[in-house]
Amino acid sequence: MNANESSIPAVLTQYEDALNRSDTDAVMKLYAPDGAFLPQYFPSSVGADTVRKNNTPAPHELDHWKATPDPTFLGGNGPAWKNPTAQRESRTENHEWLWVPTSRMRRVTLRVRLALFNCRRAQWTACFIAITTVVHPAQSQQAKPADPKVAAANQVVLSQLPFSDRQDFEDAKRGFIATTPDAANPDRWAFLEHEAPPTVNPSLWRQAQLNVPSGLFKVAEGVYQVRGFSQANMTIVEGTTGLILIDTLTSPGAAREALGLYFAHRPRKPVVAVIYSHSHGDHYGGASGVVSQADAAAGKTKVIAPAGFMDAVDGEAVIGGNAKARRGQYQFGISLPVGERGNIDEGIGKNDSRGGGGVGVGVGVAPIIPPNDTIQQPMETRTIDGVDLVFQLALDSEAPSEMLIYLPQSHVLDVAEDATHTLHNLLPFRGTGVRD
């Protein structure tokens, strides 16, 4: 065992003791000045002061772990927990990940990743946490102006594409009804109002501008969308007595705010069905904000998903979730400051999510509401609350479990993320499967 590996049990012992005491102060002492708390799907908190500020009082996850019958602390509580090699070999049992840096690395960095996944109940609860402790803090990187070659290449793009065509901007505003400003940061994207700077490809800048409009939109008679409250959109289909929600955004808070905006302008009806278009968290993570676990478990509220949905969620978001969450920080630039030299856009939307109470958020653990009805055949039809829906499976496309949804009465086709105004991400380097 080298020096790096031998130092790990000491850190884990201190952390476990702090967790057992629910001692926030003791936990925070283990963070280096630029240590980071990396919740999946949400911006990270860099630095002990920021971590404390964003997770005060002490993160509910700590109390949740202590309350569980079999608490799973860092490395577990079994005889092998202090053995890094043994822990890697047994990680599939408790869904834990321990990454040990090698001596070849320039800086000695210890990253400990946790995942708690309670499979003993019909209610699937996932809590994704990643903690980074930097033993030798790296120098902070400063935003730089565009390299002359990059600026020149971006300038060439302006002459290659029809940027004077503004039809997409008209389309992005079509059907707009109303919005509510993001109370947390209403001017977050105001910097996009001017022309593309030398640091940004003009096409990306234009796409970022197109993704700014948010609020409630009318798509067709009886079909509405809430856009810009999360990375994904919530589609609301009006039935005879209730509402059918297609995709529930990233977090329960975002889902509640989206539905609240709809109710401010349309008749209030109960949610009779939820449909997950595919198995990515920004499309199912907010379900508990708009439908209860009990109603779904009892079949009172339909929850429909494509074949293989829970297996895909387990594989991508739980077993491989922590590694993917870390890589996703780099893929999406979540920790970068918003601005022309930082985070501009994610192509298909912004990385914002309104409200709180999402998976991995310090304010609590959001349950995954599993489907009680799945689409198994290549083409299936359901009639829900007087609305006909035609489902077409598109497995192993943009997600392992995905489907398209057609509403013949309103001539609306919901293509999930299989058709977007972007180049398809065929091989995301955060670690998801190759997309066909």
Protein backbone atom coordinates (compact mmCIF):
# COMPACT_ATOMS: atom_id res chain seq x y z
CA MET A 1 0.00 0.00 0.00
CA ASN A 2 1.50 3.33 -1.03
CA ALA A 3 1.39 6.57 0.94
CA ASN A 4 -1.73 7.82 -0.83
CA GLU A 5 -3.69 4.65 -0.11
CA SER A 6 -2.57 4.49 3.53
CA SER A 7 -3.84 8.03 4.13
CA ILE A 8 -7.34 7.15 2.98
CA PRO A 9 -8.48 5.11 6.04
CA ALA A 10 -7.52 7.99 8.35
CA VAL A 11 -9.63 10.46 6.38
CA LEU A 12 -12.54 8.04 6.16
CA THR A 13 -12.39 7.33 9.89
CA GLN A 14 -12.61 11.03 10.70
CA TYR A 15 -15.46 11.48 8.26
CA GLU A 16 -17.40 8.48 9.58
CA ASP A 17 -17.02 9.70 13.16
CA ALA A 18 -18.26 13.15 12.13
CA LEU A 19 -21.26 11.64 10.35
CA ASN A 20 -22.11 9.47 13.33
CA ARG A 21 -22.16 12.58 15.52
CA SER A 22 -23.97 14.66 12.88
CA ASP A 23 -21.20 17.15 13.56
CA THR A 24 -21.22 19.67 10.72
CA ASP A 25 -18.21 21.54 12.10
CA ALA A 26 -16.14 18.37 12.18
CA VAL A 27 -17.17 17.49 8.65
CA MET A 28 -16.26 20.92 7.33
CA LYS A 29 -12.75 20.70 8.80
CA LEU A 30 -12.05 17.90 6.32
CA TYR A 31 -12.66 20.23 3.36
CA ALA A 32 -9.64 21.93 1.86
CA PRO A 33 -10.08 25.62 0.95
CA ASP A 34 -11.11 24.61 -2.56
CA GLY A 35 -12.80 21.31 -1.73
CA ALA A 36 -16.06 20.77 -3.60
CA PHE A 37 -19.49 19.32 -2.92
CA LEU A 38 -20.78 17.89 -6.21
CA PRO A 39 -24.49 16.98 -6.20
CA GLN A 40 -25.63 15.27 -9.37
CA TYR A 41 -27.44 17.48 -11.91
CA PHE A 42 -26.83 20.63 -9.87
CA PRO A 43 -24.03 23.20 -9.65
CA SER A 44 -21.25 22.28 -7.27
CA SER A 45 -20.27 24.28 -4.19
CA VAL A 46 -16.57 25.08 -4.22
CA GLY A 47 -14.83 25.93 -0.97
CA ALA A 48 -15.73 25.11 2.61
CA ASP A 49 -17.53 28.43 3.18
CA THR A 50 -19.75 27.95 0.14
CA VAL A 51 -20.47 24.32 1.02
CA ARG A 52 -21.52 25.38 4.52
CA LYS A 53 -23.66 28.25 3.20
CA ASN A 54 -25.45 26.07 0.64
CA ASN A 55 -26.05 23.21 3.08
CA THR A 56 -27.10 24.88 6.33
CA PRO A 57 -28.44 23.41 8.50
CA ALA A 58 -26.44 20.20 8.19
CA PRO A 59 -27.36 18.33 5.00
CA HIS A 60 -30.47 16.23 5.54
CA GLU A 61 -28.68 13.34 3.88
CA LEU A 62 -26.61 12.84 7.03
CA ASP A 63 -29.73 12.41 9.17
CA HIS A 64 -31.24 10.20 6.46
CA TRP A 65 -28.21 7.90 6.51
CA LYS A 66 -28.28 7.63 10.31
CA ALA A 67 -32.00 6.82 10.26
CA THR A 68 -31.69 3.94 7.82
CA PRO A 69 -31.59 0.38 9.21
CA ASP A 70 -28.28 -0.30 7.47
CA PRO A 71 -26.42 3.01 7.31
CA THR A 72 -23.92 3.09 4.50
CA PHE A 73 -21.11 5.42 5.43
CA LEU A 74 -18.04 6.11 3.38
CA GLY A 75 -16.58 2.76 2.52
CA GLY A 76 -19.34 0.95 4.40
CA ASN A 77 -19.19 -0.48 7.90
CA GLY A 78 -18.07 -3.99 7.01
CA PRO A 79 -14.66 -5.49 7.73
CA ALA A 80 -13.38 -4.53 4.29
CA TRP A 81 -14.23 -0.83 4.47
CA LYS A 82 -10.69 0.27 5.31
CA ASN A 83 -9.22 -1.76 2.47
CA PRO A 84 -9.39 0.29 -0.77
CA THR A 85 -8.80 -2.76 -2.97
CA ALA A 86 -11.45 -4.82 -1.23
CA GLN A 87 -13.88 -1.92 -1.37
CA ARG A 88 -13.51 -1.57 -5.12
CA GLU A 89 -14.20 -5.27 -5.51
CA SER A 90 -17.39 -5.10 -3.43
CA ARG A 91 -18.75 -1.80 -4.69
CA THR A 92 -21.72 -3.36 -6.50
CA GLU A 93 -23.24 -4.42 -3.19
CA ASN A 94 -23.68 -0.96 -1.67
CA HIS A 95 -23.23 1.10 -4.84
CA GLU A 96 -20.16 2.84 -3.41
CA TRP A 97 -17.24 4.18 -5.38
CA LEU A 98 -13.77 4.81 -4.05
CA TRP A 99 -11.24 6.42 -6.37
CA VAL A 100 -7.61 6.30 -5.29
CA PRO A 101 -5.16 8.68 -7.02
CA THR A 102 -1.88 7.23 -8.21
CA SER A 103 1.60 8.56 -7.61
CA ARG A 104 1.77 9.58 -11.25
CA MET A 105 -0.70 12.40 -10.65
CA ARG A 106 0.69 15.92 -10.30
CA ARG A 107 -1.41 16.69 -7.23
CA VAL A 108 -2.42 14.32 -4.50
CA THR A 109 -6.20 14.41 -4.71
CA LEU A 110 -8.65 12.24 -2.86
CA ARG A 111 -12.15 11.95 -4.22
CA VAL A 112 -14.70 10.00 -2.30
CA ARG A 113 -18.05 9.25 -3.86
CA LEU A 114 -21.17 7.98 -2.19
CA ALA A 115 -24.47 6.66 -3.38
CA LEU A 116 -27.28 5.40 -1.20
CA PHE A 117 -29.85 3.33 -3.01
CA ASN A 118 -32.66 1.74 -0.98
CA CYS A 119 -34.02 -1.17 -3.00
CA ARG A 120 -35.93 -2.84 -0.19
CA ARG A 121 -39.11 -0.87 -0.74
CA ALA A 122 -41.37 -0.28 -3.69
CA GLN A 123 -40.32 3.35 -3.27
CA TRP A 124 -36.93 3.81 -4.92
CA THR A 125 -34.98 6.51 -3.17
CA ALA A 126 -31.71 7.74 -4.59
CA CYS A 127 -29.26 10.11 -3.00
CA PHE A 128 -26.23 11.04 -5.05
CA ILE A 129 -23.35 12.76 -3.31
CA ALA A 130 -19.83 13.45 -4.43
CA ILE A 131 -17.27 15.01 -2.15
CA THR A 132 -13.84 16.13 -3.25
CA THR A 133 -11.10 16.79 -0.73
CA VAL A 134 -8.04 18.41 -2.25
CA VAL A 135 -4.95 17.73 -0.17
CA HIS A 136 -2.73 20.07 -2.19
CA PRO A 137 -5.06 22.82 -3.50
CA ALA A 138 -4.71 23.54 -7.20
CA GLN A 139 -4.29 27.07 -8.40
CA SER A 140 -7.58 28.62 -9.41
CA GLN A 141 -7.93 29.22 -13.11
CA GLN A 142 -8.76 32.69 -14.36
CA ALA A 143 -10.95 33.35 -17.39
CA LYS A 144 -8.85 34.43 -20.35
CA PRO A 145 -9.62 36.31 -23.57
CA ALA A 146 -10.01 34.31 -26.75
CA ASP A 147 -6.84 33.08 -28.41
CA PRO A 148 -6.39 34.97 -31.72
CA LYS A 149 -6.80 31.74 -33.69
CA VAL A 150 -10.04 30.92 -31.86
CA ALA A 151 -11.37 34.44 -32.38
CA ALA A 152 -10.53 34.25 -36.09
CA ALA A 153 -12.23 30.86 -36.48
CA ASN A 154 -15.35 32.15 -34.74
CA GLN A 155 -15.40 35.17 -37.01
CA VAL A 156 -15.34 32.92 -40.10
CA VAL A 157 -18.50 31.17 -38.89
CA LEU A 158 -20.42 34.44 -39.22
CA SER A 159 -19.85 34.38 -42.98
CA GLN A 160 -20.73 30.69 -43.37
CA LEU A 161 -24.24 30.62 -41.92
CA PRO A 162 -27.38 32.78 -42.42
CA PHE A 163 -27.38 34.61 -39.08
CA SER A 164 -29.72 37.23 -40.52
CA ASP A 165 -32.54 34.64 -40.64
CA ARG A 166 -34.56 35.32 -37.47
CA GLN A 167 -37.33 32.75 -38.00
CA ASP A 168 -36.07 30.54 -35.17
CA PHE A 169 -36.43 33.45 -32.76
CA GLU A 170 -40.04 33.93 -33.83
CA ASP A 171 -40.67 30.20 -33.42
CA ALA A 172 -39.15 30.23 -29.92
CA LYS A 173 -41.70 32.84 -28.81
CA ARG A 174 -44.72 31.36 -30.57
CA GLY A 175 -47.60 30.53 -28.21
CA PHE A 176 -46.09 32.42 -25.27
CA ILE A 177 -48.62 33.13 -22.50
CA ALA A 178 -46.75 34.26 -19.41
CA THR A 179 -43.74 33.65 -17.21
CA THR A 180 -42.44 34.32 -13.74
CA PRO A 181 -38.89 35.60 -13.27
CA ASP A 182 -36.37 33.40 -11.53
CA ALA A 183 -36.34 34.92 -8.06
CA ALA A 184 -32.85 33.59 -7.41
CA ASN A 185 -31.28 35.46 -10.34
CA PRO A 186 -33.64 37.25 -12.73
CA ASP A 187 -30.80 38.75 -14.84
CA ARG A 188 -28.72 35.58 -15.06
CA TRP A 189 -28.76 35.45 -18.88
CA ALA A 190 -28.91 39.17 -19.66
CA PHE A 191 -25.35 39.07 -21.03
CA LEU A 192 -26.68 37.15 -24.06
CA GLU A 193 -28.56 40.20 -25.37
CA HIS A 194 -25.59 41.53 -27.33
CA GLU A 195 -23.66 40.02 -30.26
CA ALA A 196 -21.40 37.00 -29.89
CA PRO A 197 -18.02 37.83 -28.32
CA PRO A 198 -14.71 36.44 -29.68
CA THR A 199 -14.69 33.75 -26.96
CA VAL A 200 -17.86 32.02 -28.18
CA ASN A 201 -18.76 30.33 -31.45
CA PRO A 202 -21.59 32.42 -32.96
CA SER A 203 -23.74 29.31 -33.45
CA LEU A 204 -23.50 28.40 -29.79
CA TRP A 205 -24.24 32.00 -28.84
CA ARG A 206 -27.32 32.03 -31.07
CA GLN A 207 -28.50 28.72 -29.61
CA ALA A 208 -28.01 30.12 -26.11
CA GLN A 209 -30.17 33.12 -27.04
CA LEU A 210 -32.90 30.84 -28.39
CA ASN A 211 -32.95 28.95 -25.09
CA VAL A 212 -33.52 32.07 -22.98
CA PRO A 213 -37.33 32.46 -23.35
CA SER A 214 -39.08 30.73 -20.46
CA GLY A 215 -42.60 30.35 -19.20
CA LEU A 216 -45.93 28.86 -20.24
CA PHE A 217 -46.55 28.30 -23.96
CA LYS A 218 -49.58 27.04 -25.84
CA VAL A 219 -48.54 24.36 -28.33
CA ALA A 220 -52.00 23.40 -29.63
CA GLU A 221 -55.55 23.24 -28.35
CA GLY A 222 -55.37 21.42 -25.03
CA VAL A 223 -51.58 21.08 -25.10
CA TYR A 224 -49.24 23.41 -23.19
CA GLN A 225 -45.56 23.50 -22.29
CA VAL A 226 -43.53 25.06 -19.51
CA ARG A 227 -40.04 25.87 -20.78
CA GLY A 228 -36.92 27.19 -19.13
CA PHE A 229 -37.75 26.13 -15.56
CA SER A 230 -35.30 23.26 -15.91
CA GLN A 231 -33.12 21.81 -18.63
CA ALA A 232 -36.07 19.86 -20.02
CA ASN A 233 -39.63 20.99 -20.77
CA MET A 234 -42.83 19.91 -19.06
CA THR A 235 -45.66 19.18 -21.52
CA ILE A 236 -49.18 19.44 -20.08
CA VAL A 237 -52.04 17.71 -21.90
CA GLU A 238 -55.56 18.58 -20.80
CA GLY A 239 -57.88 15.61 -20.41
CA THR A 240 -61.59 15.46 -19.66
CA THR A 241 -61.21 15.58 -15.89
CA GLY A 242 -57.47 15.98 -15.26
CA LEU A 243 -53.99 16.60 -16.61
CA ILE A 244 -51.44 14.35 -18.28
CA LEU A 245 -47.87 15.49 -17.67
CA ILE A 246 -45.15 14.45 -20.09
CA ASP A 247 -41.78 14.77 -18.29
CA THR A 248 -41.49 16.28 -14.83
CA LEU A 249 -38.23 18.27 -15.03
CA THR A 250 -35.14 17.79 -12.87
CA SER A 251 -36.38 18.53 -9.37
CA PRO A 252 -39.66 18.53 -7.43
CA GLY A 253 -39.28 22.27 -6.84
CA ALA A 254 -39.01 22.98 -10.56
CA ALA A 255 -42.00 20.73 -11.29
CA ARG A 256 -44.13 22.46 -8.66
CA GLU A 257 -43.25 25.92 -9.98
CA ALA A 258 -43.99 24.86 -13.56
CA LEU A 259 -47.38 23.42 -12.67
CA GLY A 260 -48.10 26.46 -10.51
CA LEU A 261 -47.51 28.74 -13.49
CA TYR A 262 -49.89 26.63 -15.58
CA PHE A 263 -52.58 26.80 -12.86
CA ALA A 264 -52.23 30.58 -12.77
CA HIS A 265 -53.56 30.74 -16.33
CA ARG A 266 -55.55 27.53 -16.88
CA PRO A 267 -58.28 25.68 -14.94
CA ARG A 268 -56.99 23.74 -11.95
CA LYS A 269 -57.35 19.98 -12.44
CA PRO A 270 -55.75 16.98 -10.75
CA VAL A 271 -52.82 15.16 -12.34
CA VAL A 272 -54.19 11.84 -13.59
CA ALA A 273 -51.09 10.59 -15.39
CA VAL A 274 -47.35 11.17 -15.67
CA ILE A 275 -45.38 10.02 -18.70
CA TYR A 276 -41.60 9.71 -18.76
CA SER A 277 -40.36 10.12 -22.32
CA HIS A 278 -36.98 8.66 -21.40
CA SER A 279 -34.63 7.66 -18.61
CA HIS A 280 -32.62 10.85 -18.02
CA GLY A 281 -33.01 12.58 -14.67
CA ASP A 282 -34.12 15.94 -16.04
CA HIS A 283 -37.25 14.19 -17.33
CA TYR A 284 -38.28 12.19 -14.25
CA GLY A 285 -36.53 13.82 -11.26
CA GLY A 286 -39.39 16.18 -10.41
CA ALA A 287 -42.21 13.63 -10.36
CA SER A 288 -42.64 13.71 -6.58
CA GLY A 289 -43.39 17.42 -6.84
CA VAL A 290 -46.57 16.85 -8.84
CA VAL A 291 -47.80 13.38 -7.86
CA SER A 292 -47.65 11.40 -4.63
CA GLN A 293 -45.81 8.13 -4.22
CA ALA A 294 -48.90 6.61 -2.61
CA ASP A 295 -51.20 7.50 -5.52
CA ALA A 296 -48.71 6.07 -8.01
CA ALA A 297 -48.20 2.88 -6.01
CA ALA A 298 -51.97 2.41 -5.73
CA GLY A 299 -52.47 3.00 -9.44
CA LYS A 300 -54.62 6.05 -8.78
CA THR A 301 -52.21 8.08 -10.91
CA LYS A 302 -50.81 6.41 -14.00
CA VAL A 303 -47.04 6.60 -14.40
CA ILE A 304 -46.05 5.41 -17.87
CA ALA A 305 -42.52 4.82 -19.13
CA PRO A 306 -40.79 3.03 -22.01
CA ALA A 307 -39.57 -0.55 -21.64
CA GLY A 308 -36.46 -0.99 -19.53
CA PHE A 309 -36.89 2.35 -17.78
CA MET A 310 -35.91 1.36 -14.23
CA ASP A 311 -33.02 -0.78 -15.44
CA ALA A 312 -31.71 2.22 -17.38
CA VAL A 313 -32.11 4.50 -14.36
CA ASP A 314 -30.32 1.97 -12.17
CA GLY A 315 -27.47 1.57 -14.64
CA GLU A 316 -26.92 5.20 -15.58
CA ALA A 317 -27.92 7.11 -12.47
CA VAL A 318 -27.08 4.73 -9.63
CA ILE A 319 -24.46 2.10 -10.44
CA GLY A 320 -22.57 4.44 -12.74
CA GLY A 321 -24.13 7.63 -11.43
CA ASN A 322 -21.32 9.00 -9.32
CA ALA A 323 -18.63 8.57 -11.95
CA LYS A 324 -20.94 10.06 -14.57
CA ALA A 325 -21.88 12.94 -12.28
CA ARG A 326 -18.24 13.90 -11.88
CA ARG A 327 -17.54 13.69 -15.62
CA GLY A 328 -20.75 15.59 -16.28
CA GLN A 329 -19.30 18.53 -14.35
CA TYR A 330 -16.74 18.82 -17.13
CA GLN A 331 -19.09 17.94 -19.99
CA PHE A 332 -21.62 20.62 -19.09
CA GLY A 333 -19.30 23.11 -17.38
CA ILE A 334 -21.70 23.31 -14.46
CA SER A 335 -19.18 24.78 -12.04
CA LEU A 336 -18.10 27.52 -14.46
CA PRO A 337 -19.42 31.02 -13.81
CA VAL A 338 -22.17 32.08 -16.17
CA GLY A 339 -20.88 34.50 -18.76
CA GLU A 340 -19.17 34.87 -22.12
CA ARG A 341 -15.96 33.33 -20.73
CA GLY A 342 -17.70 30.59 -18.79
CA ASN A 343 -21.01 28.74 -18.98
CA ILE A 344 -23.08 29.82 -21.99
CA ASP A 345 -25.55 27.03 -22.61
CA GLU A 346 -25.87 23.26 -22.88
CA GLY A 347 -27.19 23.27 -26.43
CA ILE A 348 -30.58 21.78 -25.58
CA GLY A 349 -31.19 24.16 -22.69
CA LYS A 350 -29.85 25.86 -19.60
CA ASN A 351 -28.46 23.98 -16.63
CA ASP A 352 -30.74 25.90 -14.27
CA SER A 353 -33.50 24.27 -12.26
CA ARG A 354 -36.08 26.31 -10.40
CA GLY A 355 -37.01 25.50 -6.83
CA GLY A 356 -35.38 22.95 -4.56
CA GLY A 357 -35.85 19.45 -3.24
CA GLY A 358 -34.14 17.49 -6.00
CA VAL A 359 -32.04 14.36 -6.13
CA GLY A 360 -28.71 15.11 -4.49
CA VAL A 361 -29.74 18.52 -3.17
CA GLY A 362 -28.80 19.37 0.38
CA VAL A 363 -32.40 20.24 1.26
CA GLY A 364 -33.54 16.64 1.08
CA VAL A 365 -33.77 13.43 -0.87
CA ALA A 366 -36.29 13.23 -3.70
CA PRO A 367 -37.81 9.81 -4.34
CA ILE A 368 -37.83 8.26 -7.77
CA ILE A 369 -41.42 7.35 -8.56
CA PRO A 370 -41.26 4.15 -10.63
CA PRO A 371 -43.69 3.54 -13.48
CA ASN A 372 -46.79 1.43 -12.90
CA ASP A 373 -47.32 0.94 -16.64
CA THR A 374 -44.67 0.37 -19.31
CA ILE A 375 -44.76 0.44 -23.10
CA GLN A 376 -43.45 -2.95 -24.24
CA GLN A 377 -44.40 -3.19 -27.90
CA PRO A 378 -42.85 -1.12 -30.72
CA MET A 379 -46.18 0.71 -31.11
CA GLU A 380 -48.89 0.91 -28.46
CA THR A 381 -51.97 3.07 -27.92
CA ARG A 382 -53.52 4.21 -24.67
CA THR A 383 -56.59 6.33 -24.00
CA ILE A 384 -56.16 8.33 -20.81
CA ASP A 385 -58.91 10.61 -19.52
CA GLY A 386 -60.37 10.92 -23.00
CA VAL A 387 -57.03 11.61 -24.73
CA ASP A 388 -55.62 9.16 -27.28
CA LEU A 389 -51.85 8.66 -27.10
CA VAL A 390 -49.75 6.61 -29.51
CA PHE A 391 -46.38 5.45 -28.17
CA GLN A 392 -43.45 4.39 -30.36
CA LEU A 393 -40.43 2.88 -28.65
CA ALA A 394 -37.05 4.36 -29.56
CA LEU A 395 -34.81 2.26 -27.34
CA ASP A 396 -31.05 2.86 -27.32
CA SER A 397 -31.45 6.16 -29.13
CA GLU A 398 -30.81 9.35 -27.13
CA ALA A 399 -31.30 7.26 -23.98
CA PRO A 400 -31.31 3.49 -23.34
CA SER A 401 -35.04 3.69 -22.57
CA GLU A 402 -36.87 6.24 -24.73
CA MET A 403 -40.09 6.65 -26.69
CA LEU A 404 -41.95 9.08 -28.92
CA ILE A 405 -45.52 10.15 -28.16
CA TYR A 406 -48.14 11.19 -30.72
CA LEU A 407 -51.42 12.93 -29.87
CA PRO A 408 -53.69 12.34 -32.89
CA GLN A 409 -56.48 14.61 -31.64
CA SER A 410 -54.20 17.66 -31.58
CA HIS A 411 -51.70 16.46 -34.21
CA VAL A 412 -48.81 16.90 -31.77
CA LEU A 413 -45.71 14.68 -31.88
CA ASP A 414 -43.49 14.68 -28.80
CA VAL A 415 -40.09 13.39 -29.92
CA ALA A 416 -38.37 13.68 -26.52
CA GLU A 417 -34.74 14.50 -27.38
CA ASP A 418 -34.50 12.45 -30.56
CA ALA A 419 -35.02 15.59 -32.65
CA THR A 420 -33.40 18.83 -31.52
CA HIS A 421 -31.89 21.99 -33.02
CA THR A 422 -28.44 20.70 -32.17
CA LEU A 423 -25.89 18.18 -33.37
CA HIS A 424 -26.75 14.88 -31.71
CA ASN A 425 -24.47 13.91 -28.83
CA LEU A 426 -23.60 10.44 -30.11
CA LEU A 427 -20.99 9.57 -27.46
CA PRO A 428 -21.26 11.68 -24.29
CA PHE A 429 -17.93 11.56 -22.54
CA ARG A 430 -19.54 11.49 -19.10
CA GLY A 431 -19.90 7.76 -19.67
CA THR A 432 -23.37 7.02 -21.08
CA GLY A 433 -23.83 4.41 -23.79
CA VAL A 434 -23.23 5.07 -27.45
CA ARG A 435 -26.36 6.55 -29.01
CA ASP A 436 -27.69 5.06 -32.21
